[in-house]
Amino acid sequence: MRANDSLQTGPAVSWLVVRGALVVVVAIGSALLCPLIGWQIAAIVLAVVAAAVPQTFAAWGSVGCFVVGMLISEPDLGRAMLAVLVVQLIHVLTSLSLVIPAGSRVVIAALRPSALRLLAVQAMAQPATVAIMLLVAASAQGSPPTVAWAVVAGAAAVVTLAVTLLVRANRRAS
């Protein structure tokens, strides 16, 4: 290399930002989704462990803490939608933490595909969450025929989505 050769990249963030974001997402999620202090603390401790040693997959244990919090409280559409978002954010941030080495910097443009996938999944998952919560409310009021029809429609939607994703994945590979 000559003295005037250089490598220029776009704006970048430290690896600590991704791992810190994981802890922040879990802390906010536990505060909003877990009514029990013990489960909140457990979720945050698991997130800190996951930030320090991503290979432990400990952040996914915090999702279990959210499940406990959701099960002991009344069903609520807003909390269900928040849970869907928080769980996917935990998954994305944990997955990124596994592939971003400690001490490195990440070009922000490299995070764009992950952000776009997050938005695409949320665009499908949030309406599905609303539909499921409405079905749960309808079944609680005693309308089983609607629930049976909705299960068939939901299964068809899942199969359609799976086929679409598989076809697109195979198209990119070739």
C-alpha atoms as a PDB file:
ATOM      1  CA  MET A   1       0.000   0.000   0.000  1.00  0.00           C
ATOM      2  CA  ARG A   2       1.106   3.479  -0.724  1.00  0.00           C
ATOM      3  CA  ALA A   3       0.985   6.209   1.890  1.00  0.00           C
ATOM      4  CA  ASN A   4      -2.007   7.892   0.267  1.00  0.00           C
ATOM      5  CA  ASP A   5      -4.139   4.743   0.020  1.00  0.00           C
ATOM      6  CA  SER A   6      -7.049   4.691   2.428  1.00  0.00           C
ATOM      7  CA  LEU A   7     -10.286   2.936   3.037  1.00  0.00           C
ATOM      8  CA  GLN A   8     -13.351   5.079   3.549  1.00  0.00           C
ATOM      9  CA  THR A   9     -16.629   3.784   4.937  1.00  0.00           C
ATOM     10  CA  GLY A  10     -19.901   5.391   5.811  1.00  0.00           C
ATOM     11  CA  PRO A  11     -20.933   6.333   9.320  1.00  0.00           C
ATOM     12  CA  ALA A  12     -20.380   3.528  11.824  1.00  0.00           C
ATOM     13  CA  VAL A  13     -21.317   2.644  15.384  1.00  0.00           C
ATOM     14  CA  SER A  14     -19.467   0.660  17.991  1.00  0.00           C
ATOM     15  CA  TRP A  15     -20.347  -2.944  18.754  1.00  0.00           C
ATOM     16  CA  LEU A  16     -21.408  -1.665  22.180  1.00  0.00           C
ATOM     17  CA  VAL A  17     -24.364   0.168  20.629  1.00  0.00           C
ATOM     18  CA  VAL A  18     -25.928  -3.079  19.384  1.00  0.00           C
ATOM     19  CA  ARG A  19     -25.399  -4.873  22.690  1.00  0.00           C
ATOM     20  CA  GLY A  20     -26.506  -1.839  24.694  1.00  0.00           C
ATOM     21  CA  ALA A  21     -29.654  -1.590  22.565  1.00  0.00           C
ATOM     22  CA  LEU A  22     -30.399  -5.205  23.458  1.00  0.00           C
ATOM     23  CA  VAL A  23     -30.266  -4.426  27.176  1.00  0.00           C
ATOM     24  CA  VAL A  24     -32.397  -1.294  26.711  1.00  0.00           C
ATOM     25  CA  VAL A  25     -35.054  -3.154  24.686  1.00  0.00           C
ATOM     26  CA  VAL A  26     -35.258  -5.896  27.307  1.00  0.00           C
ATOM     27  CA  ALA A  27     -35.424  -3.364  30.149  1.00  0.00           C
ATOM     28  CA  ILE A  28     -38.241  -1.413  28.501  1.00  0.00           C
ATOM     29  CA  GLY A  29     -40.049  -4.599  27.533  1.00  0.00           C
ATOM     30  CA  SER A  30     -39.800  -6.036  31.012  1.00  0.00           C
ATOM     31  CA  ALA A  31     -41.070  -2.803  32.570  1.00  0.00           C
ATOM     32  CA  LEU A  32     -44.086  -2.747  30.256  1.00  0.00           C
ATOM     33  CA  LEU A  33     -44.866  -6.468  29.949  1.00  0.00           C
ATOM     34  CA  CYS A  34     -43.946  -8.016  33.327  1.00  0.00           C
ATOM     35  CA  PRO A  35     -45.954  -6.913  36.352  1.00  0.00           C
ATOM     36  CA  LEU A  36     -43.693  -8.859  38.747  1.00  0.00           C
ATOM     37  CA  ILE A  37     -40.429  -7.243  39.854  1.00  0.00           C
ATOM     38  CA  GLY A  38     -38.605 -10.579  40.151  1.00  0.00           C
ATOM     39  CA  TRP A  39     -39.314 -11.478  36.532  1.00  0.00           C
ATOM     40  CA  GLN A  40     -38.302  -7.975  35.423  1.00  0.00           C
ATOM     41  CA  ILE A  41     -34.966  -8.322  37.196  1.00  0.00           C
ATOM     42  CA  ALA A  42     -34.448 -11.806  35.768  1.00  0.00           C
ATOM     43  CA  ALA A  43     -35.105 -10.545  32.231  1.00  0.00           C
ATOM     44  CA  ILE A  44     -32.644  -7.678  32.616  1.00  0.00           C
ATOM     45  CA  VAL A  45     -29.969  -9.919  34.137  1.00  0.00           C
ATOM     46  CA  LEU A  46     -30.376 -12.321  31.219  1.00  0.00           C
ATOM     47  CA  ALA A  47     -30.018  -9.402  28.785  1.00  0.00           C
ATOM     48  CA  VAL A  48     -26.822  -8.215  30.484  1.00  0.00           C
ATOM     49  CA  VAL A  49     -25.405 -11.746  30.329  1.00  0.00           C
ATOM     50  CA  ALA A  50     -26.356 -11.919  26.641  1.00  0.00           C
ATOM     51  CA  ALA A  51     -24.677  -8.574  25.979  1.00  0.00           C
ATOM     52  CA  ALA A  52     -21.503  -9.717  27.712  1.00  0.00           C
ATOM     53  CA  VAL A  53     -21.437 -13.239  26.242  1.00  0.00           C
ATOM     54  CA  PRO A  54     -23.770 -13.514  23.217  1.00  0.00           C
ATOM     55  CA  GLN A  55     -22.988 -17.214  22.718  1.00  0.00           C
ATOM     56  CA  THR A  56     -25.064 -18.008  25.815  1.00  0.00           C
ATOM     57  CA  PHE A  57     -28.295 -17.022  24.009  1.00  0.00           C
ATOM     58  CA  ALA A  58     -29.428 -15.663  27.382  1.00  0.00           C
ATOM     59  CA  ALA A  59     -31.489 -12.851  25.854  1.00  0.00           C
ATOM     60  CA  TRP A  60     -33.956 -15.400  24.545  1.00  0.00           C
ATOM     61  CA  GLY A  61     -34.484 -16.420  28.168  1.00  0.00           C
ATOM     62  CA  SER A  62     -35.781 -12.924  28.817  1.00  0.00           C
ATOM     63  CA  VAL A  63     -38.552 -13.676  26.340  1.00  0.00           C
ATOM     64  CA  GLY A  64     -39.664 -16.416  28.738  1.00  0.00           C
ATOM     65  CA  CYS A  65     -39.895 -13.801  31.467  1.00  0.00           C
ATOM     66  CA  PHE A  66     -42.179 -11.763  29.224  1.00  0.00           C
ATOM     67  CA  VAL A  67     -44.346 -14.823  28.627  1.00  0.00           C
ATOM     68  CA  VAL A  68     -44.808 -15.280  32.369  1.00  0.00           C
ATOM     69  CA  GLY A  69     -45.736 -11.609  32.707  1.00  0.00           C
ATOM     70  CA  MET A  70     -48.229 -11.840  29.854  1.00  0.00           C
ATOM     71  CA  LEU A  71     -49.826 -15.002  31.248  1.00  0.00           C
ATOM     72  CA  ILE A  72     -50.499 -13.596  34.706  1.00  0.00           C
ATOM     73  CA  SER A  73     -52.099 -10.401  33.425  1.00  0.00           C
ATOM     74  CA  GLU A  74     -55.318  -9.752  31.543  1.00  0.00           C
ATOM     75  CA  PRO A  75     -55.255  -9.987  27.737  1.00  0.00           C
ATOM     76  CA  ASP A  76     -54.651  -6.572  26.195  1.00  0.00           C
ATOM     77  CA  LEU A  77     -54.235  -5.702  22.521  1.00  0.00           C
ATOM     78  CA  GLY A  78     -51.626  -2.997  23.109  1.00  0.00           C
ATOM     79  CA  ARG A  79     -49.469  -5.219  25.300  1.00  0.00           C
ATOM     80  CA  ALA A  80     -49.748  -8.081  22.808  1.00  0.00           C
ATOM     81  CA  MET A  81     -48.621  -5.849  19.948  1.00  0.00           C
ATOM     82  CA  LEU A  82     -45.772  -4.504  22.075  1.00  0.00           C
ATOM     83  CA  ALA A  83     -44.729  -8.063  22.970  1.00  0.00           C
ATOM     84  CA  VAL A  84     -44.569  -9.018  19.282  1.00  0.00           C
ATOM     85  CA  LEU A  85     -42.332  -6.028  18.575  1.00  0.00           C
ATOM     86  CA  VAL A  86     -40.082  -6.491  21.616  1.00  0.00           C
ATOM     87  CA  VAL A  87     -39.583 -10.212  21.023  1.00  0.00           C
ATOM     88  CA  GLN A  88     -38.559  -9.628  17.416  1.00  0.00           C
ATOM     89  CA  LEU A  89     -36.233  -6.786  18.413  1.00  0.00           C
ATOM     90  CA  ILE A  90     -34.593  -9.095  20.966  1.00  0.00           C
ATOM     91  CA  HIS A  91     -34.196 -11.764  18.310  1.00  0.00           C
ATOM     92  CA  VAL A  92     -32.659  -9.342  15.785  1.00  0.00           C
ATOM     93  CA  LEU A  93     -30.316  -7.673  18.282  1.00  0.00           C
ATOM     94  CA  THR A  94     -29.200 -11.013  19.723  1.00  0.00           C
ATOM     95  CA  SER A  95     -28.536 -12.372  16.253  1.00  0.00           C
ATOM     96  CA  LEU A  96     -26.523  -9.267  15.369  1.00  0.00           C
ATOM     97  CA  SER A  97     -24.581  -9.547  18.626  1.00  0.00           C
ATOM     98  CA  LEU A  98     -23.554 -13.055  17.658  1.00  0.00           C
ATOM     99  CA  VAL A  99     -21.944 -11.928  14.391  1.00  0.00           C
ATOM    100  CA  ILE A 100     -20.489  -8.554  15.402  1.00  0.00           C
ATOM    101  CA  PRO A 101     -17.121  -9.132  17.093  1.00  0.00           C
ATOM    102  CA  ALA A 102     -16.259  -7.283  20.290  1.00  0.00           C
ATOM    103  CA  GLY A 103     -14.180  -4.207  19.635  1.00  0.00           C
ATOM    104  CA  SER A 104     -15.419  -3.733  16.091  1.00  0.00           C
ATOM    105  CA  ARG A 105     -17.374  -0.996  14.389  1.00  0.00           C
ATOM    106  CA  VAL A 106     -20.472  -1.573  12.283  1.00  0.00           C
ATOM    107  CA  VAL A 107     -21.229   0.567   9.269  1.00  0.00           C
ATOM    108  CA  ILE A 108     -24.807   1.755   9.683  1.00  0.00           C
ATOM    109  CA  ALA A 109     -25.609   0.896   6.052  1.00  0.00           C
ATOM    110  CA  ALA A 110     -24.824  -2.751   6.867  1.00  0.00           C
ATOM    111  CA  LEU A 111     -27.678  -2.747   9.404  1.00  0.00           C
ATOM    112  CA  ARG A 112     -30.203  -1.642   6.778  1.00  0.00           C
ATOM    113  CA  PRO A 113     -31.186  -5.159   5.571  1.00  0.00           C
ATOM    114  CA  SER A 114     -31.872  -6.244   9.159  1.00  0.00           C
ATOM    115  CA  ALA A 115     -33.985  -3.139   9.731  1.00  0.00           C
ATOM    116  CA  LEU A 116     -35.942  -3.745   6.526  1.00  0.00           C
ATOM    117  CA  ARG A 117     -36.596  -7.371   7.491  1.00  0.00           C
ATOM    118  CA  LEU A 118     -37.744  -6.225  10.929  1.00  0.00           C
ATOM    119  CA  LEU A 119     -40.205  -3.803   9.328  1.00  0.00           C
ATOM    120  CA  ALA A 120     -41.448  -6.419   6.863  1.00  0.00           C
ATOM    121  CA  VAL A 121     -42.086  -8.971   9.596  1.00  0.00           C
ATOM    122  CA  GLN A 122     -43.791  -6.363  11.771  1.00  0.00           C
ATOM    123  CA  ALA A 123     -45.995  -5.362   8.841  1.00  0.00           C
ATOM    124  CA  MET A 124     -47.276  -8.942   8.772  1.00  0.00           C
ATOM    125  CA  ALA A 125     -47.161  -9.770  12.470  1.00  0.00           C
ATOM    126  CA  GLN A 126     -48.962  -6.745  13.887  1.00  0.00           C
ATOM    127  CA  PRO A 127     -52.171  -7.215  11.835  1.00  0.00           C
ATOM    128  CA  ALA A 128     -52.058 -10.915  12.664  1.00  0.00           C
ATOM    129  CA  THR A 129     -51.774 -10.016  16.348  1.00  0.00           C
ATOM    130  CA  VAL A 130     -54.803  -7.744  16.097  1.00  0.00           C
ATOM    131  CA  ALA A 131     -56.788 -10.471  14.322  1.00  0.00           C
ATOM    132  CA  ILE A 132     -55.864 -13.102  16.900  1.00  0.00           C
ATOM    133  CA  MET A 133     -56.714 -10.814  19.813  1.00  0.00           C
ATOM    134  CA  LEU A 134     -60.086 -10.037  18.208  1.00  0.00           C
ATOM    135  CA  LEU A 135     -60.702 -13.760  17.763  1.00  0.00           C
ATOM    136  CA  VAL A 136     -59.826 -14.390  21.388  1.00  0.00           C
ATOM    137  CA  ALA A 137     -62.288 -11.686  22.424  1.00  0.00           C
ATOM    138  CA  ALA A 138     -64.948 -13.150  20.129  1.00  0.00           C
ATOM    139  CA  SER A 139     -64.440 -16.679  21.447  1.00  0.00           C
ATOM    140  CA  ALA A 140     -64.704 -15.399  25.010  1.00  0.00           C
ATOM    141  CA  GLN A 141     -68.148 -14.063  24.121  1.00  0.00           C
ATOM    142  CA  GLY A 142     -69.157 -17.472  22.783  1.00  0.00           C
ATOM    143  CA  SER A 143     -69.030 -17.518  19.003  1.00  0.00           C
ATOM    144  CA  PRO A 144     -67.165 -20.740  18.133  1.00  0.00           C
ATOM    145  CA  PRO A 145     -68.172 -20.855  14.417  1.00  0.00           C
ATOM    146  CA  THR A 146     -66.289 -17.605  13.801  1.00  0.00           C
ATOM    147  CA  VAL A 147     -63.220 -18.998  15.524  1.00  0.00           C
ATOM    148  CA  ALA A 148     -63.277 -22.185  13.419  1.00  0.00           C
ATOM    149  CA  TRP A 149     -63.495 -20.164  10.204  1.00  0.00           C
ATOM    150  CA  ALA A 150     -60.694 -17.878  11.367  1.00  0.00           C
ATOM    151  CA  VAL A 151     -58.407 -20.840  12.106  1.00  0.00           C
ATOM    152  CA  VAL A 152     -58.808 -22.073   8.538  1.00  0.00           C
ATOM    153  CA  ALA A 153     -58.209 -18.572   7.142  1.00  0.00           C
ATOM    154  CA  GLY A 154     -55.164 -18.127   9.382  1.00  0.00           C
ATOM    155  CA  ALA A 155     -53.720 -21.472   8.334  1.00  0.00           C
ATOM    156  CA  ALA A 156     -54.190 -20.555   4.675  1.00  0.00           C
ATOM    157  CA  ALA A 157     -52.447 -17.229   5.275  1.00  0.00           C
ATOM    158  CA  VAL A 158     -49.495 -18.926   6.971  1.00  0.00           C
ATOM    159  CA  VAL A 159     -49.151 -21.468   4.153  1.00  0.00           C
ATOM    160  CA  THR A 160     -49.335 -18.682   1.552  1.00  0.00           C
ATOM    161  CA  LEU A 161     -46.695 -16.679   3.386  1.00  0.00           C
ATOM    162  CA  ALA A 162     -44.405 -19.699   3.733  1.00  0.00           C
ATOM    163  CA  VAL A 163     -44.694 -20.566   0.044  1.00  0.00           C
ATOM    164  CA  THR A 164     -44.069 -16.942  -0.954  1.00  0.00           C
ATOM    165  CA  LEU A 165     -40.977 -16.707   1.240  1.00  0.00           C
ATOM    166  CA  LEU A 166     -39.609 -20.024  -0.036  1.00  0.00           C
ATOM    167  CA  VAL A 167     -40.132 -19.044  -3.670  1.00  0.00           C
ATOM    168  CA  ARG A 168     -38.414 -15.683  -3.099  1.00  0.00           C
ATOM    169  CA  ALA A 169     -35.537 -17.342  -1.228  1.00  0.00           C
ATOM    170  CA  ASN A 170     -34.984 -19.825  -4.048  1.00  0.00           C
ATOM    171  CA  ARG A 171     -35.152 -17.055  -6.629  1.00  0.00           C
ATOM    172  CA  ARG A 172     -32.364 -15.124  -4.855  1.00  0.00           C
ATOM    173  CA  ALA A 173     -30.173 -18.211  -4.555  1.00  0.00           C
ATOM    174  CA  SER A 174     -30.227 -18.879  -8.293  1.00  0.00           C
END
